[in-house]
């Protein structure tokens, strides 16, 4: 499925509009991991709104370059090992950070919507007004169901007819039908 729907501008204040704005703001794990590949620049930390961590990577990278220029190779390698260890830690950190940022964005997006007033006398899915008439109509719409003692075919019995009685009624109906058709 294409992502063309994300570019639609419905210019409303409804849930769909809020979701579209939210999709644009949410952080993506894939991009964060791609930026982690060039971790000495700290771009993955910048992307995930961790500016201090990004500058720690950058300053460490500058320090490594300066130490290499000054001939302090072992210190430079130790510092490189340290920021590499932090980069390995950032593999797990990215998961947690993206989840936390996206959760905060969702909460902010849905809480920022102004609450609308409910209609007068609203108590859920229906109102009590006109409920009696509705119930009377629904009682009459019972397809095929007849309360005991109310069906004239059952001769006001309080129980359903037995199998033999049902067979007898069907035979009588069939006989009556053939009598009408022969006349």
N, C-alpha and C. Protein backbone atom coordinates (compact mmCIF):
# COMPACT_ATOMS: atom_id res chain seq x y z
N UNK A 1 0.84 -1.18 0.00
CA UNK A 1 0.00 0.00 0.00
C UNK A 1 0.89 1.24 0.00
N UNK A 2 0.55 2.21 -0.80
CA UNK A 2 1.37 3.41 -0.89
C UNK A 2 1.12 4.32 0.31
N UNK A 3 2.03 5.24 0.52
CA UNK A 3 1.89 6.19 1.62
C UNK A 3 1.31 7.51 1.15
N UNK A 4 0.59 7.51 0.04
CA UNK A 4 0.02 8.74 -0.49
C UNK A 4 -1.00 9.35 0.47
N UNK A 5 -1.65 8.52 1.27
CA UNK A 5 -2.65 9.02 2.20
C UNK A 5 -2.03 9.97 3.22
N UNK A 6 -0.72 9.82 3.49
CA UNK A 6 -0.07 10.68 4.47
C UNK A 6 0.05 12.12 3.96
N UNK A 7 0.00 12.31 2.64
CA UNK A 7 0.16 13.64 2.08
C UNK A 7 -1.17 14.37 1.91
N UNK A 8 -2.28 13.68 2.14
CA UNK A 8 -3.58 14.32 2.02
C UNK A 8 -3.75 15.36 3.12
N UNK A 9 -4.30 16.51 2.78
CA UNK A 9 -4.58 17.53 3.77
C UNK A 9 -6.08 17.65 3.91
N UNK A 10 -6.61 17.03 4.93
CA UNK A 10 -8.06 17.06 5.13
C UNK A 10 -8.48 18.28 5.94
N UNK A 11 -7.52 19.02 6.47
CA UNK A 11 -7.73 20.30 7.14
C UNK A 11 -8.88 20.27 8.13
N UNK A 12 -8.95 19.24 8.89
CA UNK A 12 -9.97 19.17 9.92
C UNK A 12 -9.33 19.11 11.28
N UNK A 13 -10.14 19.04 12.28
CA UNK A 13 -9.63 18.92 13.64
C UNK A 13 -10.05 17.59 14.23
N UNK A 14 -10.32 16.62 13.37
CA UNK A 14 -10.77 15.33 13.84
C UNK A 14 -9.61 14.39 14.13
N UNK A 15 -9.97 13.16 14.42
CA UNK A 15 -9.00 12.14 14.77
C UNK A 15 -8.06 11.82 13.61
N UNK A 16 -8.59 11.81 12.39
CA UNK A 16 -7.74 11.49 11.24
C UNK A 16 -6.68 12.57 11.04
N UNK A 17 -7.04 13.81 11.21
CA UNK A 17 -6.09 14.90 11.09
C UNK A 17 -5.03 14.80 12.18
N UNK A 18 -5.45 14.48 13.40
CA UNK A 18 -4.49 14.32 14.50
C UNK A 18 -3.54 13.17 14.22
N UNK A 19 -4.06 12.08 13.66
CA UNK A 19 -3.20 10.93 13.35
C UNK A 19 -2.19 11.27 12.26
N UNK A 20 -2.60 12.06 11.28
CA UNK A 20 -1.69 12.43 10.20
C UNK A 20 -0.56 13.32 10.73
N UNK A 21 -0.89 14.25 11.61
CA UNK A 21 0.15 15.09 12.21
C UNK A 21 1.08 14.26 13.08
N UNK A 22 0.50 13.30 13.77
CA UNK A 22 1.29 12.45 14.64
C UNK A 22 2.28 11.59 13.86
N UNK A 23 1.84 11.06 12.72
CA UNK A 23 2.73 10.23 11.88
C UNK A 23 3.93 11.05 11.41
N UNK A 24 3.72 12.32 11.11
CA UNK A 24 4.83 13.17 10.67
C UNK A 24 5.83 13.41 11.80
N UNK A 25 5.35 13.49 13.03
CA UNK A 25 6.22 13.83 14.15
C UNK A 25 6.93 12.63 14.76
N UNK A 26 6.38 11.45 14.59
CA UNK A 26 6.93 10.27 15.25
C UNK A 26 8.33 9.93 14.73
N UNK A 27 9.16 9.43 15.64
CA UNK A 27 10.53 9.03 15.30
C UNK A 27 10.52 7.61 14.75
N UNK A 28 11.44 7.33 13.82
CA UNK A 28 11.51 6.03 13.18
C UNK A 28 12.78 5.31 13.62
N UNK A 29 12.62 4.07 14.02
CA UNK A 29 13.76 3.26 14.47
C UNK A 29 14.77 3.06 13.35
N UNK A 30 14.27 2.80 12.16
CA UNK A 30 15.16 2.51 11.04
C UNK A 30 16.12 3.67 10.78
N UNK A 31 15.60 4.88 10.77
CA UNK A 31 16.45 6.04 10.54
C UNK A 31 17.45 6.23 11.68
N UNK A 32 17.00 5.99 12.92
CA UNK A 32 17.91 6.13 14.06
C UNK A 32 19.05 5.13 13.96
N UNK A 33 18.75 3.90 13.54
CA UNK A 33 19.82 2.89 13.39
C UNK A 33 20.75 3.25 12.23
N UNK A 34 20.20 3.81 11.18
CA UNK A 34 21.06 4.22 10.06
C UNK A 34 22.02 5.33 10.50
N UNK A 35 21.52 6.26 11.31
CA UNK A 35 22.38 7.33 11.81
C UNK A 35 23.40 6.80 12.82
N UNK A 36 23.08 5.71 13.49
CA UNK A 36 24.02 5.10 14.43
C UNK A 36 25.26 4.56 13.71
N UNK A 37 25.09 4.22 12.45
CA UNK A 37 26.22 3.70 11.67
C UNK A 37 27.36 4.72 11.59
N UNK A 38 27.02 6.00 11.66
CA UNK A 38 28.06 7.04 11.67
C UNK A 38 28.08 7.69 13.07
N UNK A 39 28.16 6.84 14.09
CA UNK A 39 28.06 7.28 15.47
C UNK A 39 29.07 8.34 15.90
N UNK A 40 30.28 8.44 15.32
CA UNK A 40 31.18 9.49 15.79
C UNK A 40 30.62 10.90 15.63
N UNK A 41 29.67 11.07 14.74
CA UNK A 41 29.07 12.40 14.56
C UNK A 41 27.92 12.66 15.54
N UNK A 42 27.42 11.62 16.19
CA UNK A 42 26.35 11.78 17.17
C UNK A 42 24.99 12.12 16.59
N UNK A 43 24.82 11.89 15.30
CA UNK A 43 23.56 12.28 14.65
C UNK A 43 22.36 11.46 15.15
N UNK A 44 22.59 10.22 15.55
CA UNK A 44 21.48 9.41 16.07
C UNK A 44 20.96 9.99 17.38
N UNK A 45 21.84 10.55 18.18
CA UNK A 45 21.41 11.20 19.43
C UNK A 45 20.69 12.51 19.14
N UNK A 46 21.16 13.26 18.16
CA UNK A 46 20.46 14.48 17.77
C UNK A 46 19.04 14.16 17.28
N UNK A 47 18.93 13.14 16.46
CA UNK A 47 17.63 12.75 15.91
C UNK A 47 16.66 12.38 17.01
N UNK A 48 17.17 11.77 18.07
CA UNK A 48 16.30 11.34 19.17
C UNK A 48 16.29 12.36 20.31
N UNK A 49 16.55 13.61 19.97
CA UNK A 49 16.44 14.75 20.89
C UNK A 49 17.31 14.62 22.14
N UNK A 50 18.49 14.07 22.01
CA UNK A 50 19.44 13.94 23.10
C UNK A 50 20.69 14.73 22.69
N UNK A 51 20.61 16.05 22.82
CA UNK A 51 21.64 16.95 22.31
C UNK A 51 22.95 16.78 23.08
N UNK A 52 22.88 16.62 24.40
CA UNK A 52 24.11 16.46 25.20
C UNK A 52 24.89 15.23 24.76
N UNK A 53 24.20 14.14 24.60
CA UNK A 53 24.86 12.90 24.16
C UNK A 53 25.49 13.05 22.78
N UNK A 54 24.81 13.79 21.91
CA UNK A 54 25.35 14.02 20.57
C UNK A 54 26.67 14.80 20.66
N UNK A 55 26.70 15.81 21.52
CA UNK A 55 27.93 16.60 21.65
C UNK A 55 29.04 15.83 22.34
N UNK A 56 28.70 14.88 23.20
CA UNK A 56 29.74 14.03 23.80
C UNK A 56 30.42 13.21 22.71
N UNK A 57 29.63 12.65 21.81
CA UNK A 57 30.22 11.89 20.69
C UNK A 57 31.11 12.80 19.83
N UNK A 58 30.62 13.98 19.52
CA UNK A 58 31.39 14.89 18.65
C UNK A 58 32.69 15.32 19.30
N UNK A 59 32.61 15.68 20.59
CA UNK A 59 33.82 16.12 21.29
C UNK A 59 34.81 14.97 21.43
N UNK A 60 34.32 13.77 21.67
CA UNK A 60 35.20 12.60 21.76
C UNK A 60 35.87 12.34 20.42
N UNK A 61 35.13 12.51 19.33
CA UNK A 61 35.70 12.31 18.00
C UNK A 61 36.78 13.36 17.71
N UNK A 62 36.52 14.60 18.08
CA UNK A 62 37.53 15.66 17.91
C UNK A 62 38.76 15.36 18.75
N UNK A 63 38.53 14.87 19.97
CA UNK A 63 39.66 14.53 20.85
C UNK A 63 40.48 13.38 20.27
N UNK A 64 39.80 12.38 19.70
CA UNK A 64 40.53 11.25 19.09
C UNK A 64 41.39 11.74 17.93
N UNK A 65 40.83 12.60 17.09
CA UNK A 65 41.60 13.13 15.95
C UNK A 65 42.79 13.95 16.44
N UNK A 66 42.56 14.78 17.47
CA UNK A 66 43.66 15.60 18.01
C UNK A 66 44.74 14.72 18.63
N UNK A 67 44.33 13.66 19.35
CA UNK A 67 45.32 12.76 19.96
C UNK A 67 46.12 12.01 18.90
N UNK A 68 45.47 11.63 17.81
CA UNK A 68 46.19 10.97 16.72
C UNK A 68 47.20 11.92 16.08
N UNK A 69 46.82 13.17 15.92
CA UNK A 69 47.73 14.16 15.34
C UNK A 69 48.92 14.39 16.27
N UNK A 70 48.68 14.39 17.58
CA UNK A 70 49.75 14.62 18.55
C UNK A 70 50.58 13.37 18.81
N UNK A 71 50.20 12.24 18.21
CA UNK A 71 50.99 11.03 18.35
C UNK A 71 50.62 10.19 19.55
N UNK A 72 49.55 10.47 20.21
CA UNK A 72 49.11 9.72 21.39
C UNK A 72 48.14 8.61 20.94
N UNK A 73 48.65 7.66 20.21
CA UNK A 73 47.84 6.63 19.57
C UNK A 73 47.09 5.77 20.57
N UNK A 74 47.75 5.35 21.66
CA UNK A 74 47.11 4.45 22.62
C UNK A 74 45.95 5.13 23.35
N UNK A 75 46.13 6.38 23.68
CA UNK A 75 45.05 7.12 24.34
C UNK A 75 43.89 7.31 23.36
N UNK A 76 44.23 7.61 22.10
CA UNK A 76 43.19 7.76 21.07
C UNK A 76 42.42 6.47 20.87
N UNK A 77 43.13 5.34 20.85
CA UNK A 77 42.46 4.04 20.69
C UNK A 77 41.59 3.71 21.89
N UNK A 78 42.05 4.07 23.09
CA UNK A 78 41.25 3.83 24.30
C UNK A 78 39.96 4.67 24.26
N UNK A 79 40.09 5.92 23.83
CA UNK A 79 38.90 6.78 23.73
C UNK A 79 37.96 6.27 22.63
N UNK A 80 38.53 5.78 21.54
CA UNK A 80 37.73 5.19 20.46
C UNK A 80 36.99 3.95 20.95
N UNK A 81 37.66 3.13 21.76
CA UNK A 81 37.02 1.94 22.34
C UNK A 81 35.87 2.36 23.27
N UNK A 82 36.08 3.43 24.01
CA UNK A 82 35.04 3.90 24.93
C UNK A 82 33.80 4.38 24.17
N UNK A 83 34.00 5.19 23.14
CA UNK A 83 32.80 5.67 22.43
C UNK A 83 32.18 4.54 21.59
N UNK A 84 32.98 3.57 21.20
CA UNK A 84 32.42 2.40 20.51
C UNK A 84 31.54 1.59 21.46
N UNK A 85 31.98 1.47 22.71
CA UNK A 85 31.16 0.77 23.72
C UNK A 85 29.85 1.52 23.94
N UNK A 86 29.91 2.84 23.98
CA UNK A 86 28.68 3.62 24.12
C UNK A 86 27.78 3.45 22.90
N UNK A 87 28.37 3.33 21.73
CA UNK A 87 27.58 3.11 20.51
C UNK A 87 26.89 1.76 20.56
N UNK A 88 27.57 0.75 21.10
CA UNK A 88 26.95 -0.57 21.25
C UNK A 88 25.80 -0.48 22.25
N UNK A 89 26.00 0.27 23.33
CA UNK A 89 24.91 0.50 24.29
C UNK A 89 23.74 1.20 23.61
N UNK A 90 24.05 2.12 22.70
CA UNK A 90 22.99 2.88 22.03
C UNK A 90 22.10 2.01 21.15
N UNK A 91 22.56 0.83 20.78
CA UNK A 91 21.70 -0.08 20.00
C UNK A 91 20.43 -0.37 20.81
N UNK A 92 20.59 -0.66 22.08
CA UNK A 92 19.41 -0.92 22.94
C UNK A 92 18.74 0.40 23.34
N UNK A 93 19.51 1.42 23.57
CA UNK A 93 18.98 2.70 24.00
C UNK A 93 18.02 3.27 22.96
N UNK A 94 18.33 3.08 21.67
CA UNK A 94 17.47 3.59 20.60
C UNK A 94 16.06 3.03 20.71
N UNK A 95 15.94 1.72 20.97
CA UNK A 95 14.61 1.10 21.11
C UNK A 95 13.80 1.80 22.20
N UNK A 96 14.40 1.94 23.37
CA UNK A 96 13.69 2.56 24.49
C UNK A 96 13.38 4.02 24.23
N UNK A 97 14.34 4.73 23.64
CA UNK A 97 14.15 6.16 23.40
C UNK A 97 13.07 6.43 22.37
N UNK A 98 13.06 5.66 21.27
CA UNK A 98 12.03 5.84 20.24
C UNK A 98 10.65 5.54 20.83
N UNK A 99 10.55 4.48 21.61
CA UNK A 99 9.27 4.13 22.23
C UNK A 99 8.80 5.25 23.17
N UNK A 100 9.70 5.78 23.98
CA UNK A 100 9.34 6.84 24.92
C UNK A 100 8.93 8.13 24.20
N UNK A 101 9.68 8.51 23.17
CA UNK A 101 9.36 9.73 22.43
C UNK A 101 8.02 9.58 21.73
N UNK A 102 7.80 8.46 21.06
CA UNK A 102 6.55 8.27 20.33
C UNK A 102 5.35 8.19 21.27
N UNK A 103 5.54 7.59 22.43
CA UNK A 103 4.45 7.54 23.41
C UNK A 103 4.10 8.95 23.88
N UNK A 104 5.11 9.74 24.19
CA UNK A 104 4.87 11.12 24.63
C UNK A 104 4.18 11.93 23.53
N UNK A 105 4.57 11.70 22.27
CA UNK A 105 3.93 12.42 21.16
C UNK A 105 2.46 12.02 21.02
N UNK A 106 2.17 10.71 21.18
CA UNK A 106 0.77 10.26 21.09
C UNK A 106 -0.07 10.85 22.20
N UNK A 107 0.46 10.84 23.41
CA UNK A 107 -0.28 11.40 24.54
C UNK A 107 -0.54 12.88 24.32
N UNK A 108 0.47 13.60 23.89
CA UNK A 108 0.30 15.04 23.66
C UNK A 108 -0.69 15.31 22.54
N UNK A 109 -0.66 14.51 21.48
CA UNK A 109 -1.56 14.73 20.35
C UNK A 109 -3.01 14.49 20.73
N UNK A 110 -3.26 13.47 21.49
CA UNK A 110 -4.65 13.14 21.82
C UNK A 110 -5.18 13.94 22.99
N UNK A 111 -4.30 14.39 23.88
CA UNK A 111 -4.76 15.21 25.00
C UNK A 111 -4.96 16.66 24.59
N UNK A 112 -4.35 17.07 23.50
CA UNK A 112 -4.47 18.46 23.08
C UNK A 112 -5.80 18.76 22.42
N UNK A 113 -6.53 17.72 22.07
CA UNK A 113 -7.83 17.91 21.43
C UNK A 113 -8.82 18.48 22.44
N UNK A 114 -9.57 19.52 22.09
CA UNK A 114 -10.56 20.04 23.03
C UNK A 114 -11.70 19.03 23.21
N UNK A 115 -12.09 18.86 24.45
CA UNK A 115 -13.18 17.91 24.74
C UNK A 115 -14.51 18.53 24.30
N UNK A 116 -15.30 17.77 23.60
CA UNK A 116 -16.60 18.25 23.17
C UNK A 116 -17.63 17.89 24.22
N UNK A 117 -18.66 18.69 24.29
CA UNK A 117 -19.73 18.45 25.24
C UNK A 117 -20.63 17.33 24.75
N UNK A 118 -21.05 16.49 25.67
CA UNK A 118 -21.97 15.43 25.30
C UNK A 118 -23.38 16.00 25.19
N UNK A 119 -24.21 15.38 24.37
CA UNK A 119 -25.59 15.85 24.25
C UNK A 119 -26.33 15.75 25.58
N UNK A 120 -27.36 16.55 25.72
CA UNK A 120 -28.16 16.55 26.93
C UNK A 120 -28.79 15.17 27.13
N UNK A 121 -28.79 14.68 28.33
CA UNK A 121 -29.35 13.38 28.72
C UNK A 121 -28.60 12.20 28.11
N UNK A 122 -27.38 12.38 27.68
CA UNK A 122 -26.60 11.29 27.08
C UNK A 122 -26.13 10.37 28.19
N UNK A 123 -26.41 9.08 28.02
CA UNK A 123 -26.02 8.09 29.03
C UNK A 123 -25.35 6.89 28.40
N UNK A 124 -24.72 7.04 27.31
CA UNK A 124 -24.08 5.93 26.65
C UNK A 124 -24.50 5.88 25.20
N UNK A 125 -25.00 4.74 24.75
CA UNK A 125 -25.36 4.59 23.35
C UNK A 125 -26.78 5.02 23.05
N UNK A 126 -27.60 5.19 24.03
CA UNK A 126 -28.99 5.57 23.78
C UNK A 126 -29.45 6.51 24.87
N UNK A 127 -30.53 7.17 24.64
CA UNK A 127 -31.15 7.99 25.67
C UNK A 127 -32.44 7.31 26.10
N UNK A 128 -32.92 7.68 27.26
CA UNK A 128 -34.14 7.05 27.78
C UNK A 128 -35.39 7.60 27.11
N UNK A 129 -35.28 8.70 26.40
CA UNK A 129 -36.44 9.27 25.73
C UNK A 129 -36.91 8.34 24.62
N UNK A 130 -38.17 7.98 24.63
CA UNK A 130 -38.72 7.15 23.58
C UNK A 130 -38.36 5.68 23.72
N UNK A 131 -37.83 5.28 24.86
CA UNK A 131 -37.43 3.90 25.03
C UNK A 131 -38.63 2.97 25.08
N UNK A 132 -39.73 3.42 25.70
CA UNK A 132 -40.92 2.57 25.79
C UNK A 132 -41.49 2.25 24.42
N UNK A 133 -41.57 3.26 23.55
CA UNK A 133 -42.08 3.02 22.20
C UNK A 133 -41.15 2.09 21.42
N UNK A 134 -39.86 2.28 21.62
CA UNK A 134 -38.88 1.43 20.94
C UNK A 134 -39.05 -0.03 21.38
N UNK A 135 -39.20 -0.26 22.66
CA UNK A 135 -39.38 -1.62 23.16
C UNK A 135 -40.67 -2.25 22.65
N UNK A 136 -41.75 -1.46 22.54
CA UNK A 136 -43.01 -2.00 22.02
C UNK A 136 -42.85 -2.43 20.56
N UNK A 137 -42.17 -1.62 19.77
CA UNK A 137 -41.95 -1.98 18.37
C UNK A 137 -41.10 -3.24 18.29
N UNK A 138 -40.06 -3.34 19.09
CA UNK A 138 -39.19 -4.50 19.05
C UNK A 138 -39.90 -5.77 19.52
N UNK A 139 -40.80 -5.64 20.46
CA UNK A 139 -41.56 -6.81 20.92
C UNK A 139 -42.43 -7.37 19.81
N UNK A 140 -42.91 -6.52 18.93
CA UNK A 140 -43.77 -6.97 17.83
C UNK A 140 -42.96 -7.55 16.68
N UNK A 141 -41.66 -7.31 16.66
CA UNK A 141 -40.83 -7.76 15.55
C UNK A 141 -40.18 -9.11 15.79
N UNK A 142 -40.70 -9.90 16.67
CA UNK A 142 -40.09 -11.18 16.98
C UNK A 142 -40.38 -12.17 15.87
N UNK A 143 -39.46 -12.31 14.95
CA UNK A 143 -39.64 -13.16 13.78
C UNK A 143 -39.82 -14.62 14.14
N UNK A 144 -41.04 -15.12 14.07
CA UNK A 144 -41.32 -16.53 14.29
C UNK A 144 -41.47 -16.91 15.74
N UNK A 145 -41.12 -16.04 16.67
CA UNK A 145 -41.23 -16.38 18.08
C UNK A 145 -42.56 -15.89 18.63
N UNK A 146 -43.28 -16.80 19.23
CA UNK A 146 -44.58 -16.44 19.82
C UNK A 146 -44.56 -16.88 21.27
N UNK A 147 -45.01 -15.99 22.14
CA UNK A 147 -45.04 -16.33 23.56
C UNK A 147 -46.00 -17.49 23.80
N UNK A 148 -45.72 -18.35 24.78
CA UNK A 148 -46.62 -19.46 25.07
C UNK A 148 -48.02 -18.97 25.40
N UNK A 149 -49.02 -19.65 24.82
CA UNK A 149 -50.41 -19.29 25.06
C UNK A 149 -50.94 -18.19 24.17
N UNK A 150 -50.14 -17.63 23.29
CA UNK A 150 -50.57 -16.52 22.45
C UNK A 150 -50.79 -16.93 21.00
N UNK A 151 -50.32 -18.10 20.62
CA UNK A 151 -50.45 -18.53 19.23
C UNK A 151 -51.77 -19.26 19.03
N UNK A 152 -52.63 -18.76 18.15
CA UNK A 152 -53.92 -19.43 17.95
C UNK A 152 -53.75 -20.83 17.37
N UNK A 153 -52.65 -21.08 16.65
CA UNK A 153 -52.45 -22.41 16.09
C UNK A 153 -52.20 -23.45 17.17
N UNK A 154 -51.77 -22.99 18.33
CA UNK A 154 -51.49 -23.93 19.41
C UNK A 154 -52.68 -24.09 20.34
N UNK A 155 -53.81 -23.46 20.01
CA UNK A 155 -55.03 -23.55 20.82
C UNK A 155 -54.77 -23.12 22.26
N UNK A 156 -54.02 -22.06 22.41
CA UNK A 156 -53.74 -21.46 23.72
C UNK A 156 -53.09 -22.44 24.68
N UNK A 157 -52.21 -23.25 24.20
CA UNK A 157 -51.49 -24.16 25.09
C UNK A 157 -50.36 -23.42 25.77
N UNK A 158 -49.92 -23.94 26.87
CA UNK A 158 -48.82 -23.31 27.59
C UNK A 158 -47.48 -23.96 27.25
N UNK A 159 -47.51 -24.98 26.39
CA UNK A 159 -46.26 -25.63 25.99
C UNK A 159 -46.25 -25.79 24.48
N UNK A 160 -45.09 -26.06 23.95
CA UNK A 160 -44.97 -26.30 22.51
C UNK A 160 -45.54 -27.67 22.18
N UNK A 161 -46.09 -27.83 20.98
CA UNK A 161 -46.65 -29.15 20.62
C UNK A 161 -45.55 -30.20 20.48
N UNK A 162 -45.94 -31.43 20.73
CA UNK A 162 -44.99 -32.53 20.59
C UNK A 162 -44.73 -32.80 19.12
N UNK A 163 -43.78 -33.69 18.85
CA UNK A 163 -43.45 -34.02 17.48
C UNK A 163 -44.67 -34.61 16.76
N UNK A 164 -45.40 -35.48 17.42
CA UNK A 164 -46.59 -36.11 16.82
C UNK A 164 -47.65 -35.05 16.53
N UNK A 165 -47.83 -34.10 17.45
CA UNK A 165 -48.81 -33.05 17.23
C UNK A 165 -48.40 -32.16 16.06
N UNK A 166 -47.11 -31.89 15.96
CA UNK A 166 -46.62 -31.08 14.83
C UNK A 166 -46.86 -31.80 13.51
N UNK A 167 -46.62 -33.12 13.47
CA UNK A 167 -46.88 -33.92 12.26
C UNK A 167 -48.35 -33.87 11.90
N UNK A 168 -49.20 -33.97 12.89
CA UNK A 168 -50.65 -33.95 12.64
C UNK A 168 -51.07 -32.59 12.09
N UNK A 169 -50.49 -31.50 12.64
CA UNK A 169 -50.83 -30.16 12.14
C UNK A 169 -50.35 -29.99 10.71
N UNK A 170 -49.16 -30.49 10.38
CA UNK A 170 -48.64 -30.38 9.02
C UNK A 170 -49.50 -31.18 8.04
N UNK A 171 -49.92 -32.37 8.44
CA UNK A 171 -50.81 -33.17 7.59
C UNK A 171 -52.13 -32.46 7.36
N UNK A 172 -52.68 -31.84 8.41
CA UNK A 172 -53.94 -31.12 8.28
C UNK A 172 -53.79 -29.93 7.34
N UNK A 173 -52.65 -29.21 7.44
CA UNK A 173 -52.41 -28.06 6.57
C UNK A 173 -52.25 -28.51 5.13
N UNK A 174 -51.57 -29.63 4.91
CA UNK A 174 -51.38 -30.15 3.55
C UNK A 174 -52.71 -30.60 2.96
N UNK A 175 -53.54 -31.24 3.78
CA UNK A 175 -54.85 -31.70 3.32
C UNK A 175 -55.73 -30.52 2.95
N UNK A 176 -55.70 -29.46 3.79
CA UNK A 176 -56.50 -28.28 3.53
C UNK A 176 -56.05 -27.60 2.25
N UNK A 177 -54.73 -27.61 2.00
CA UNK A 177 -54.20 -27.00 0.78
C UNK A 177 -54.65 -27.79 -0.45
N UNK A 178 -54.59 -29.12 -0.39
CA UNK A 178 -55.02 -29.92 -1.54
C UNK A 178 -56.52 -29.82 -1.75
N UNK A 179 -57.30 -29.68 -0.68
CA UNK A 179 -58.75 -29.52 -0.82
C UNK A 179 -59.06 -28.21 -1.55
N UNK A 180 -58.35 -27.12 -1.21
CA UNK A 180 -58.59 -25.83 -1.86
C UNK A 180 -58.18 -25.86 -3.31
N UNK A 181 -57.09 -26.56 -3.62
CA UNK A 181 -56.61 -26.60 -5.00
C UNK A 181 -57.50 -27.49 -5.89
N UNK A 182 -58.17 -28.48 -5.30
CA UNK A 182 -59.04 -29.34 -6.12
C UNK A 182 -60.37 -28.70 -6.41
N UNK A 183 -60.77 -27.69 -5.73
CA UNK A 183 -62.07 -27.05 -5.96
C UNK A 183 -62.04 -26.09 -7.07
